[in-house]
């Protein structure tokens, strides 16, 4: 089982090497990439079942005991998000393989894609702050290549902004890790849960907010989100879908992991709730002001991050569990919506609301795929977004945080309005008379697969929420994480 926990990192790296060796053989590259992604998903699902049934798996690399070695810690939170990410990675890859220009535009796509998958797995599984930094660098370096390989002209400035902000955030993260090591003598997360108790309250608080700010840049919280709405829409549809579904959510995961384990609170974190409220409202207002489908959805990435921070800010088992369910929902639904946006661009040549009309009549399949994902994003019952938002609202009421709950409901109404804006502008009306480009079956199947998974999340809401409550309980239980890592398996 310990070996199994390392495979989500090892398999994509091996697949990336094979894809590079096969750089002149497109068919081999595709087979290697798809086989790796299927194995990645299968192992992640297996880990979810094993960890929930038997407890956290700790794989000490090189058999060095904690805190000397680098542990991979497969606990309930990590493996749940790993499995969800694996589903999104596989669907987006199928979409990319079916997209006619993916291999011709960039033969190295599959190798870089697999390295990004390895970075995602390592980010979720590592139990070491410095290795978390390395994992982010693997993931972000791959993302730099993916977001820039087709950039040109006016798109270059946006991609440069993305790269520069990523480098600044990485430098700040390395600085925060250096400060942490300077005062504690360790970067092992389990060891830090104990040693940070001996650090002065002021210094400890400073480290906590520095890490919150650094991961907040990566998660695109208010007011650190300015780089995202201009950067994501310029990338090809599969890349944008992948970034929208995964990269900001890994930033949120890092916030949840560090704040619950290293800087626990006895009560609601008011500052986090204020940030969450502003993130929700500013993001959705930005979405309403846009006239392009991908830009509207990009601002919604920002807005929906606020709901996750809101759940964390309650610092209760119910609140953190609701945030976990919401992250799962967002990874799937956000990737699905951007793939739908890619289908619109593929068939119509653009996603600009003023330039497209009547897609529902011209390509009814795209409309069928858009509606459940859009309703889910807005939190409309009985879709997966409703499940997550209802859990957040209930936990907010239990915590007595009425104001932020009201803000979240207001943002949900505006989200529904912005989705109707896309529907009326892109899907409604009479179709144009120009030529229609057929949708490759693989692109439609990949998008439909994610939509079906989002419906499955809604149907399995009760067991998912119960699992999330167990994961949140693990995070908030005093000393539980440290005991597992230092004791081997719990």
Protein backbone atom coordinates (compact mmCIF):
# COMPACT_ATOMS: atom_id res chain seq x y z
CA UNK A 1 0.00 0.00 0.00
CA UNK A 2 2.88 2.38 0.65
CA UNK A 3 4.17 1.73 -2.87
CA UNK A 4 0.69 2.41 -4.21
CA UNK A 5 0.77 5.90 -2.67
CA UNK A 6 3.87 6.81 -4.71
CA UNK A 7 2.52 5.64 -8.09
CA UNK A 8 0.41 8.76 -8.85
CA UNK A 9 3.70 10.69 -8.87
CA UNK A 10 5.90 8.09 -10.57
CA UNK A 11 3.58 6.99 -13.39
CA UNK A 12 3.07 10.45 -14.99
CA UNK A 13 6.81 11.19 -14.83
CA UNK A 14 7.57 7.88 -16.58
CA UNK A 15 4.84 8.63 -19.14
CA UNK A 16 6.33 12.08 -19.77
CA UNK A 17 9.71 10.48 -20.50
CA UNK A 18 8.11 7.97 -22.90
CA UNK A 19 6.19 10.76 -24.64
CA UNK A 20 9.43 12.66 -25.21
CA UNK A 21 11.13 9.56 -26.60
CA UNK A 22 8.15 9.17 -28.95
CA UNK A 23 8.15 12.83 -30.00
CA UNK A 24 7.99 11.86 -33.71
CA UNK A 25 5.23 9.28 -33.20
CA UNK A 26 1.91 11.01 -32.45
CA UNK A 27 -0.08 7.79 -32.02
CA UNK A 28 2.39 6.43 -29.46
CA UNK A 29 2.32 9.71 -27.53
CA UNK A 30 -1.47 9.60 -27.34
CA UNK A 31 -1.57 5.98 -26.21
CA UNK A 32 1.07 6.61 -23.53
CA UNK A 33 -0.75 9.70 -22.26
CA UNK A 34 -4.16 8.07 -22.15
CA UNK A 35 -2.83 4.86 -20.54
CA UNK A 36 -1.03 6.89 -17.88
CA UNK A 37 -4.15 8.95 -17.12
CA UNK A 38 -6.35 5.86 -16.85
CA UNK A 39 -3.86 4.23 -14.47
CA UNK A 40 -3.63 7.48 -12.49
CA UNK A 41 -7.41 7.53 -12.04
CA UNK A 42 -7.65 3.83 -11.15
CA UNK A 43 -4.94 4.11 -8.48
CA UNK A 44 -6.51 7.27 -7.05
CA UNK A 45 -9.91 5.57 -6.70
CA UNK A 46 -8.24 2.54 -5.12
CA UNK A 47 -6.51 4.85 -2.63
CA UNK A 48 -9.81 6.50 -1.70
CA UNK A 49 -11.31 3.11 -0.85
CA UNK A 50 -8.21 1.87 0.97
CA UNK A 51 -7.62 5.02 3.03
CA UNK A 52 -11.25 5.42 4.05
CA UNK A 53 -11.39 1.78 5.13
CA UNK A 54 -7.99 1.26 6.71
CA UNK A 55 -6.62 4.70 7.56
CA UNK A 56 -3.97 7.09 6.31
CA UNK A 57 -1.07 5.64 4.30
CA UNK A 58 2.37 7.12 4.96
CA UNK A 59 5.14 6.32 2.49
CA UNK A 60 8.55 7.47 3.80
CA UNK A 61 10.81 8.00 0.79
CA UNK A 62 14.13 6.17 1.13
CA UNK A 63 12.83 4.65 4.37
CA UNK A 64 14.02 7.72 6.25
CA UNK A 65 11.83 8.13 9.35
CA UNK A 66 9.98 11.39 10.01
CA UNK A 67 10.98 14.13 10.33
CA UNK A 68 14.25 13.41 8.45
CA UNK A 69 12.75 11.94 5.31
CA UNK A 70 10.15 13.18 2.84
CA UNK A 71 6.83 11.45 3.55
CA UNK A 72 3.98 11.06 1.12
CA UNK A 73 0.83 11.19 3.23
CA UNK A 74 -2.29 9.76 1.61
CA UNK A 75 -5.06 10.82 3.98
CA UNK A 76 -8.77 11.16 3.23
CA UNK A 77 -8.56 14.76 1.96
CA UNK A 78 -5.54 14.17 -0.26
CA UNK A 79 -6.84 11.02 -1.96
CA UNK A 80 -10.35 12.43 -2.50
CA UNK A 81 -8.95 15.45 -4.32
CA UNK A 82 -6.45 13.21 -6.11
CA UNK A 83 -9.27 11.05 -7.50
CA UNK A 84 -11.32 14.09 -8.49
CA UNK A 85 -8.29 15.68 -10.18
CA UNK A 86 -7.54 12.41 -11.96
CA UNK A 87 -11.07 12.35 -13.42
CA UNK A 88 -10.65 15.91 -14.72
CA UNK A 89 -7.16 15.16 -16.08
CA UNK A 90 -8.41 12.13 -18.01
CA UNK A 91 -11.44 13.92 -19.46
CA UNK A 92 -9.43 16.95 -20.55
CA UNK A 93 -6.77 14.73 -22.12
CA UNK A 94 -9.40 12.82 -24.12
CA UNK A 95 -10.75 16.18 -25.27
CA UNK A 96 -7.26 17.35 -26.23
CA UNK A 97 -6.47 14.15 -28.12
CA UNK A 98 -9.72 14.48 -30.08
CA UNK A 99 -9.05 18.16 -30.84
CA UNK A 100 -7.50 18.17 -34.33
CA UNK A 101 -4.73 20.72 -33.75
CA UNK A 102 -3.34 19.64 -30.35
CA UNK A 103 -0.49 17.43 -31.61
CA UNK A 104 0.26 19.48 -34.70
CA UNK A 105 0.54 22.75 -32.77
CA UNK A 106 2.71 21.35 -29.99
CA UNK A 107 4.25 17.84 -30.24
CA UNK A 108 5.48 18.10 -26.64
CA UNK A 109 1.94 18.54 -25.27
CA UNK A 110 1.63 15.04 -23.79
CA UNK A 111 4.99 15.13 -22.02
CA UNK A 112 4.24 18.51 -20.42
CA UNK A 113 0.70 17.42 -19.55
CA UNK A 114 1.96 14.36 -17.69
CA UNK A 115 4.48 16.44 -15.75
CA UNK A 116 1.66 18.74 -14.67
CA UNK A 117 -0.28 15.66 -13.50
CA UNK A 118 2.76 14.55 -11.48
CA UNK A 119 2.99 18.00 -9.90
CA UNK A 120 -0.68 17.87 -8.92
CA UNK A 121 -0.25 14.45 -7.27
CA UNK A 122 2.88 15.49 -5.40
CA UNK A 123 1.22 18.72 -4.20
CA UNK A 124 -1.66 16.73 -2.73
CA UNK A 125 0.35 13.90 -1.20
CA UNK A 126 3.50 15.50 0.18
CA UNK A 127 3.90 15.92 3.92
CA UNK A 128 6.82 18.33 3.62
CA UNK A 129 6.65 22.09 3.01
CA UNK A 130 9.76 22.26 0.84
CA UNK A 131 8.57 19.33 -1.27
CA UNK A 132 5.27 21.19 -1.60
CA UNK A 133 7.27 24.08 -3.07
CA UNK A 134 8.98 21.66 -5.49
CA UNK A 135 5.61 20.18 -6.44
CA UNK A 136 4.20 23.62 -7.16
CA UNK A 137 7.22 24.39 -9.32
CA UNK A 138 6.77 21.18 -11.33
CA UNK A 139 3.11 21.99 -11.81
CA UNK A 140 3.62 25.66 -12.59
CA UNK A 141 6.56 25.16 -14.95
CA UNK A 142 4.40 22.79 -16.97
CA UNK A 143 1.57 25.32 -16.88
CA UNK A 144 3.90 28.06 -18.18
CA UNK A 145 4.62 25.94 -21.25
CA UNK A 146 0.97 25.03 -21.80
CA UNK A 147 -0.34 28.59 -21.52
CA UNK A 148 2.31 30.11 -23.80
CA UNK A 149 2.77 27.60 -26.62
CA UNK A 150 0.11 29.23 -28.80
CA UNK A 151 0.35 32.77 -27.46
CA UNK A 152 1.05 35.54 -29.90
CA UNK A 153 0.35 39.22 -30.42
CA UNK A 154 -1.97 40.66 -27.79
CA UNK A 155 -2.05 37.33 -25.94
CA UNK A 156 1.64 37.57 -25.04
CA UNK A 157 1.15 40.26 -22.38
CA UNK A 158 -1.45 38.19 -20.53
CA UNK A 159 0.70 35.07 -20.55
CA UNK A 160 3.73 37.04 -19.38
CA UNK A 161 1.64 38.38 -16.49
CA UNK A 162 0.72 34.81 -15.55
CA UNK A 163 4.36 33.70 -15.58
CA UNK A 164 5.63 36.72 -13.63
CA UNK A 165 2.96 36.39 -10.93
CA UNK A 166 3.72 32.69 -10.65
CA UNK A 167 7.41 33.39 -10.17
CA UNK A 168 6.72 36.07 -7.55
CA UNK A 169 4.42 33.72 -5.63
CA UNK A 170 7.04 30.97 -5.77
CA UNK A 171 9.71 33.33 -4.42
CA UNK A 172 7.41 34.35 -1.56
CA UNK A 173 6.63 30.71 -0.79
CA UNK A 174 10.33 29.85 -0.64
CA UNK A 175 10.87 32.83 1.67
CA UNK A 176 8.06 31.67 3.97
CA UNK A 177 9.55 28.17 4.09
CA UNK A 178 12.97 29.62 4.91
CA UNK A 179 11.51 31.65 7.79
CA UNK A 180 9.69 28.57 9.05
CA UNK A 181 12.85 26.48 9.01
CA UNK A 182 14.82 29.28 10.69
CA UNK A 183 12.56 29.30 13.76
CA UNK A 184 11.62 25.61 14.00
CA UNK A 185 14.49 23.68 12.40
CA UNK A 186 12.09 21.58 10.30
CA UNK A 187 9.84 21.75 7.24
CA UNK A 188 8.04 18.47 7.92
CA UNK A 189 4.36 19.39 8.27
CA UNK A 190 3.68 16.81 10.97
CA UNK A 191 6.70 17.98 12.96
CA UNK A 192 5.63 21.61 12.53
CA UNK A 193 2.26 20.92 14.14
CA UNK A 194 4.19 20.40 17.38
CA UNK A 195 7.15 22.76 17.06
CA UNK A 196 5.13 25.82 16.03
CA UNK A 197 3.52 25.69 19.48
CA UNK A 198 6.87 26.79 20.88
CA UNK A 199 7.16 29.81 18.57
CA UNK A 200 6.10 33.24 19.84
CA UNK A 201 2.45 34.04 18.99
CA UNK A 202 3.39 37.08 16.89
CA UNK A 203 5.91 35.22 14.75
CA UNK A 204 3.56 32.27 14.39
CA UNK A 205 0.74 34.55 13.25
CA UNK A 206 3.07 36.24 10.77
CA UNK A 207 4.03 32.90 9.24
CA UNK A 208 0.40 31.89 9.05
CA UNK A 209 -0.67 34.99 7.16
CA UNK A 210 2.39 34.90 4.91
CA UNK A 211 1.52 31.35 3.84
CA UNK A 212 -2.13 32.37 3.48
CA UNK A 213 -1.12 35.24 1.20
CA UNK A 214 1.24 33.10 -0.90
CA UNK A 215 -1.27 30.31 -1.44
CA UNK A 216 -3.96 32.97 -1.86
CA UNK A 217 -2.13 34.28 -4.93
CA UNK A 218 -2.14 30.78 -6.38
CA UNK A 219 -5.81 30.31 -5.42
CA UNK A 220 -6.78 33.75 -6.83
CA UNK A 221 -8.53 35.13 -3.74
CA UNK A 222 -9.47 38.81 -3.39
CA UNK A 223 -7.52 41.07 -3.95
CA UNK A 224 -4.82 38.78 -5.39
CA UNK A 225 -6.82 37.48 -8.35
CA UNK A 226 -6.04 40.21 -10.91
CA UNK A 227 -3.78 37.98 -13.01
CA UNK A 228 -6.34 35.24 -13.68
CA UNK A 229 -9.17 36.75 -15.81
CA UNK A 230 -6.73 38.03 -18.45
CA UNK A 231 -4.48 34.95 -18.50
CA UNK A 232 -6.78 31.93 -18.64
CA UNK A 233 -8.99 32.92 -21.63
CA UNK A 234 -6.01 33.22 -24.02
CA UNK A 235 -5.00 29.56 -23.65
CA UNK A 236 -6.41 26.75 -25.85
CA UNK A 237 -9.67 25.24 -24.53
CA UNK A 238 -8.17 22.04 -23.01
CA UNK A 239 -5.49 24.05 -21.20
CA UNK A 240 -7.98 26.58 -19.87
CA UNK A 241 -10.28 23.80 -18.68
CA UNK A 242 -7.40 22.08 -16.91
CA UNK A 243 -6.22 25.28 -15.24
CA UNK A 244 -9.77 26.29 -14.24
CA UNK A 245 -10.50 22.90 -12.73
CA UNK A 246 -7.23 22.22 -10.95
CA UNK A 247 -4.62 24.93 -10.43
CA UNK A 248 -6.54 27.36 -8.23
CA UNK A 249 -8.06 24.43 -6.31
CA UNK A 250 -4.57 23.15 -5.46
CA UNK A 251 -3.90 26.59 -4.02
CA UNK A 252 -7.05 26.30 -1.90
CA UNK A 253 -6.00 22.81 -0.82
CA UNK A 254 -2.67 24.21 0.38
CA UNK A 255 -4.51 26.89 2.38
CA UNK A 256 -6.81 24.31 3.97
CA UNK A 257 -3.92 21.95 4.74
CA UNK A 258 -1.62 24.56 6.32
CA UNK A 259 -4.23 26.61 8.16
CA UNK A 260 -5.96 23.63 9.78
CA UNK A 261 -2.80 21.72 10.73
CA UNK A 262 -0.29 24.48 11.45
CA UNK A 263 -2.41 27.47 12.48
CA UNK A 264 -5.65 26.08 13.95
CA UNK A 265 -8.19 28.51 15.37
CA UNK A 266 -10.54 28.15 18.32
CA UNK A 267 -13.24 30.07 16.50
CA UNK A 268 -14.20 31.53 13.12
CA UNK A 269 -11.44 33.41 11.35
CA UNK A 270 -13.15 36.74 10.70
CA UNK A 271 -10.49 37.98 8.30
CA UNK A 272 -10.87 34.85 6.14
CA UNK A 273 -14.62 35.32 6.03
CA UNK A 274 -14.20 38.95 4.94
CA UNK A 275 -11.80 37.84 2.19
CA UNK A 276 -14.26 35.11 1.19
CA UNK A 277 -17.15 37.56 0.91
CA UNK A 278 -15.21 40.03 -1.23
CA UNK A 279 -13.89 37.20 -3.41
CA UNK A 280 -17.43 35.96 -4.10
CA UNK A 281 -18.93 39.36 -4.90
CA UNK A 282 -16.06 40.95 -6.84
CA UNK A 283 -15.62 37.82 -8.93
CA UNK A 284 -19.28 37.53 -9.89
CA UNK A 285 -19.60 41.28 -10.61
CA UNK A 286 -16.60 40.98 -12.90
CA UNK A 287 -18.30 38.06 -14.65
CA UNK A 288 -21.49 40.04 -15.26
CA UNK A 289 -19.50 42.84 -16.91
CA UNK A 290 -17.87 40.56 -19.52
CA UNK A 291 -18.96 39.93 -23.11
CA UNK A 292 -17.04 36.74 -23.82
CA UNK A 293 -17.97 33.28 -22.59
CA UNK A 294 -14.47 32.30 -21.44
CA UNK A 295 -13.95 35.61 -19.65
CA UNK A 296 -17.26 35.26 -17.82
CA UNK A 297 -16.28 31.77 -16.70
CA UNK A 298 -12.79 32.99 -15.72
CA UNK A 299 -14.24 35.56 -13.32
CA UNK A 300 -16.44 32.82 -11.91
CA UNK A 301 -13.30 30.86 -11.01
CA UNK A 302 -12.48 33.75 -8.68
CA UNK A 303 -16.00 34.04 -7.29
CA UNK A 304 -16.34 30.34 -6.48
CA UNK A 305 -13.02 30.30 -4.60
CA UNK A 306 -14.73 32.55 -2.05
CA UNK A 307 -17.13 29.77 -1.07
CA UNK A 308 -14.24 27.43 -0.30
CA UNK A 309 -12.48 30.02 1.88
CA UNK A 310 -15.82 30.69 3.58
CA UNK A 311 -16.11 27.05 4.69
CA UNK A 312 -12.55 27.06 5.99
CA UNK A 313 -13.15 30.33 7.83
CA UNK A 314 -15.74 28.70 10.08
CA UNK A 315 -13.01 26.33 11.41
CA UNK A 316 -15.61 23.70 12.25
CA UNK A 317 -15.89 20.13 11.03
CA UNK A 318 -19.11 20.98 9.20
CA UNK A 319 -17.60 24.08 7.57
CA UNK A 320 -14.39 22.41 6.41
CA UNK A 321 -16.37 19.37 5.19
CA UNK A 322 -18.63 21.67 3.16
CA UNK A 323 -15.57 23.36 1.67
CA UNK A 324 -14.16 19.95 0.68
CA UNK A 325 -17.41 18.97 -1.05
CA UNK A 326 -17.45 22.33 -2.82
CA UNK A 327 -13.88 21.85 -4.06
CA UNK A 328 -14.81 18.45 -5.51
CA UNK A 329 -17.83 19.96 -7.25
CA UNK A 330 -15.82 22.88 -8.62
CA UNK A 331 -13.00 20.78 -10.08
CA UNK A 332 -15.51 18.83 -12.18
CA UNK A 333 -18.02 21.54 -13.08
CA UNK A 334 -15.51 24.26 -13.87
CA UNK A 335 -13.55 21.97 -16.19
CA UNK A 336 -16.81 20.90 -17.86
CA UNK A 337 -17.93 24.49 -18.46
CA UNK A 338 -14.65 25.47 -20.08
CA UNK A 339 -14.81 22.39 -22.30
CA UNK A 340 -18.30 23.49 -23.33
CA UNK A 341 -16.84 26.91 -24.09
CA UNK A 342 -14.23 25.16 -26.22
CA UNK A 343 -17.00 23.35 -28.14
CA UNK A 344 -18.69 26.69 -28.84
CA UNK A 345 -15.42 28.16 -30.14
CA UNK A 346 -14.77 25.04 -32.23
CA UNK A 347 -18.16 25.13 -33.94
CA UNK A 348 -18.70 28.89 -34.15
CA UNK A 349 -15.13 30.19 -34.35
CA UNK A 350 -15.53 32.48 -31.32
CA UNK A 351 -16.99 32.63 -27.83
CA UNK A 352 -17.85 36.35 -27.96
CA UNK A 353 -21.47 36.85 -26.93
CA UNK A 354 -22.05 39.58 -29.51
CA UNK A 355 -20.75 37.40 -32.35
CA UNK A 356 -22.54 34.12 -31.61
CA UNK A 357 -26.24 33.32 -31.54
CA UNK A 358 -28.58 30.35 -31.72
CA UNK A 359 -26.13 27.64 -30.68
CA UNK A 360 -28.97 25.70 -29.01
CA UNK A 361 -30.66 25.25 -32.40
CA UNK A 362 -27.50 24.91 -34.40
CA UNK A 363 -25.72 22.49 -32.01
CA UNK A 364 -28.28 21.23 -29.45
CA UNK A 365 -25.76 18.82 -27.92
CA UNK A 366 -23.65 21.74 -26.68
CA UNK A 367 -26.71 23.31 -25.08
CA UNK A 368 -27.60 20.03 -23.37
CA UNK A 369 -24.07 19.84 -21.93
CA UNK A 370 -24.06 23.49 -20.86
CA UNK A 371 -27.33 23.60 -18.91
CA UNK A 372 -26.61 21.13 -16.05
CA UNK A 373 -23.10 22.52 -15.56
CA UNK A 374 -24.43 26.10 -15.53
CA UNK A 375 -27.23 25.27 -13.08
CA UNK A 376 -24.69 23.49 -10.89
CA UNK A 377 -22.35 26.50 -10.89
CA UNK A 378 -25.23 28.71 -9.78
CA UNK A 379 -26.16 26.29 -6.98
CA UNK A 380 -29.52 25.38 -8.48
CA UNK A 381 -31.14 22.25 -6.99
CA UNK A 382 -30.70 19.33 -7.37
CA UNK A 383 -27.26 19.73 -8.99
CA UNK A 384 -23.87 19.32 -7.30
CA UNK A 385 -23.39 23.04 -6.68
CA UNK A 386 -26.56 23.10 -4.62
CA UNK A 387 -25.22 20.30 -2.43
CA UNK A 388 -22.01 22.19 -1.68
CA UNK A 389 -23.67 25.56 -1.12
CA UNK A 390 -26.40 24.10 1.10
CA UNK A 391 -23.75 22.46 3.28
CA UNK A 392 -21.86 25.77 3.48
CA UNK A 393 -24.99 27.72 4.38
CA UNK A 394 -26.01 25.25 7.08
CA UNK A 395 -22.53 25.32 8.61
CA UNK A 396 -22.60 29.12 8.48
CA UNK A 397 -25.91 29.24 10.32
CA UNK A 398 -24.55 26.82 12.93
CA UNK A 399 -21.52 29.07 13.41
CA UNK A 400 -23.72 32.17 13.67
CA UNK A 401 -22.03 33.87 10.69
CA UNK A 402 -25.17 35.36 9.15
CA UNK A 403 -23.51 38.15 7.17
CA UNK A 404 -21.20 35.99 5.07
CA UNK A 405 -24.07 33.53 4.48
CA UNK A 406 -26.16 36.41 3.15
CA UNK A 407 -23.30 37.51 0.91
CA UNK A 408 -22.94 33.96 -0.45
CA UNK A 409 -26.66 33.82 -1.31
CA UNK A 410 -26.46 37.22 -3.02
CA UNK A 411 -23.47 36.04 -5.07
CA UNK A 412 -25.39 32.88 -6.04
CA UNK A 413 -28.24 34.94 -7.45
CA UNK A 414 -25.78 37.01 -9.48
CA UNK A 415 -24.11 33.80 -10.68
CA UNK A 416 -27.45 32.54 -12.00
CA UNK A 417 -27.95 35.89 -13.73
CA UNK A 418 -24.57 35.66 -15.45
CA UNK A 419 -25.35 32.12 -16.62
CA UNK A 420 -28.61 33.37 -18.16
CA UNK A 421 -26.52 36.04 -19.87
CA UNK A 422 -24.47 33.32 -21.58
CA UNK A 423 -27.61 31.35 -22.41
CA UNK A 424 -29.46 34.31 -23.95
CA UNK A 425 -26.40 35.64 -25.74
CA UNK A 426 -24.80 32.42 -27.03
CA UNK A 427 -27.45 29.70 -27.07
CA UNK A 428 -30.76 31.48 -27.62
CA UNK A 429 -31.97 33.18 -30.79
CA UNK A 430 -31.77 32.23 -34.42
CA UNK A 431 -28.62 30.45 -35.63
CA UNK A 432 -26.36 32.24 -38.08
CA UNK A 433 -26.10 31.26 -41.73
CA UNK A 434 -22.34 30.67 -41.74
CA UNK A 435 -20.75 27.22 -42.09
CA UNK A 436 -20.90 24.94 -39.08
CA UNK A 437 -17.88 22.94 -37.94
CA UNK A 438 -18.70 19.41 -36.78
CA UNK A 439 -17.86 18.44 -33.21
CA UNK A 440 -15.36 15.55 -32.98
CA UNK A 441 -16.95 12.72 -31.02
CA UNK A 442 -14.05 12.53 -28.55
CA UNK A 443 -14.45 16.19 -27.57
CA UNK A 444 -18.19 15.75 -27.01
CA UNK A 445 -17.69 12.48 -25.09
CA UNK A 446 -15.07 14.00 -22.76
CA UNK A 447 -17.31 16.97 -21.96
CA UNK A 448 -20.32 14.71 -21.44
CA UNK A 449 -18.25 12.50 -19.14
CA UNK A 450 -17.50 15.40 -16.81
CA UNK A 451 -21.13 16.51 -16.83
CA UNK A 452 -22.17 12.96 -15.89
CA UNK A 453 -19.60 12.93 -13.07
CA UNK A 454 -21.05 16.21 -11.76
CA UNK A 455 -24.51 14.63 -11.75
CA UNK A 456 -23.05 11.61 -9.92
CA UNK A 457 -21.65 13.97 -7.27
CA UNK A 458 -25.16 15.30 -6.72
CA UNK A 459 -26.69 11.82 -6.59
CA UNK A 460 -24.01 10.65 -4.14
CA UNK A 461 -24.21 13.78 -2.02
CA UNK A 462 -24.90 12.06 1.28
CA UNK A 463 -21.98 9.55 1.26
CA UNK A 464 -19.69 12.25 -0.16
CA UNK A 465 -20.58 14.65 2.62
CA UNK A 466 -20.10 11.93 5.23
CA UNK A 467 -16.67 11.17 3.76
CA UNK A 468 -15.82 14.89 3.77
CA UNK A 469 -16.83 15.12 7.44
CA UNK A 470 -14.43 12.30 8.27
CA UNK A 471 -11.70 14.08 6.30
CA UNK A 472 -12.42 17.37 8.08
CA UNK A 473 -12.40 15.60 11.42
CA UNK A 474 -8.94 14.23 10.62
CA UNK A 475 -7.69 17.73 9.82
CA UNK A 476 -9.11 19.39 12.92
CA UNK A 477 -8.31 16.61 15.42
CA UNK A 478 -5.47 17.87 17.59
CA UNK A 479 -2.29 15.85 17.01
CA UNK A 480 -3.93 13.23 14.75
CA UNK A 481 -1.89 14.07 11.65
CA UNK A 482 1.37 14.08 13.60
CA UNK A 483 0.61 10.75 15.27
CA UNK A 484 -0.08 9.09 11.91
CA UNK A 485 3.05 10.40 10.19
CA UNK A 486 5.35 9.58 13.09
CA UNK A 487 3.62 6.28 13.83
CA UNK A 488 3.44 5.00 10.27
CA UNK A 489 -0.13 4.08 9.55
CA UNK A 490 -3.29 5.06 11.42
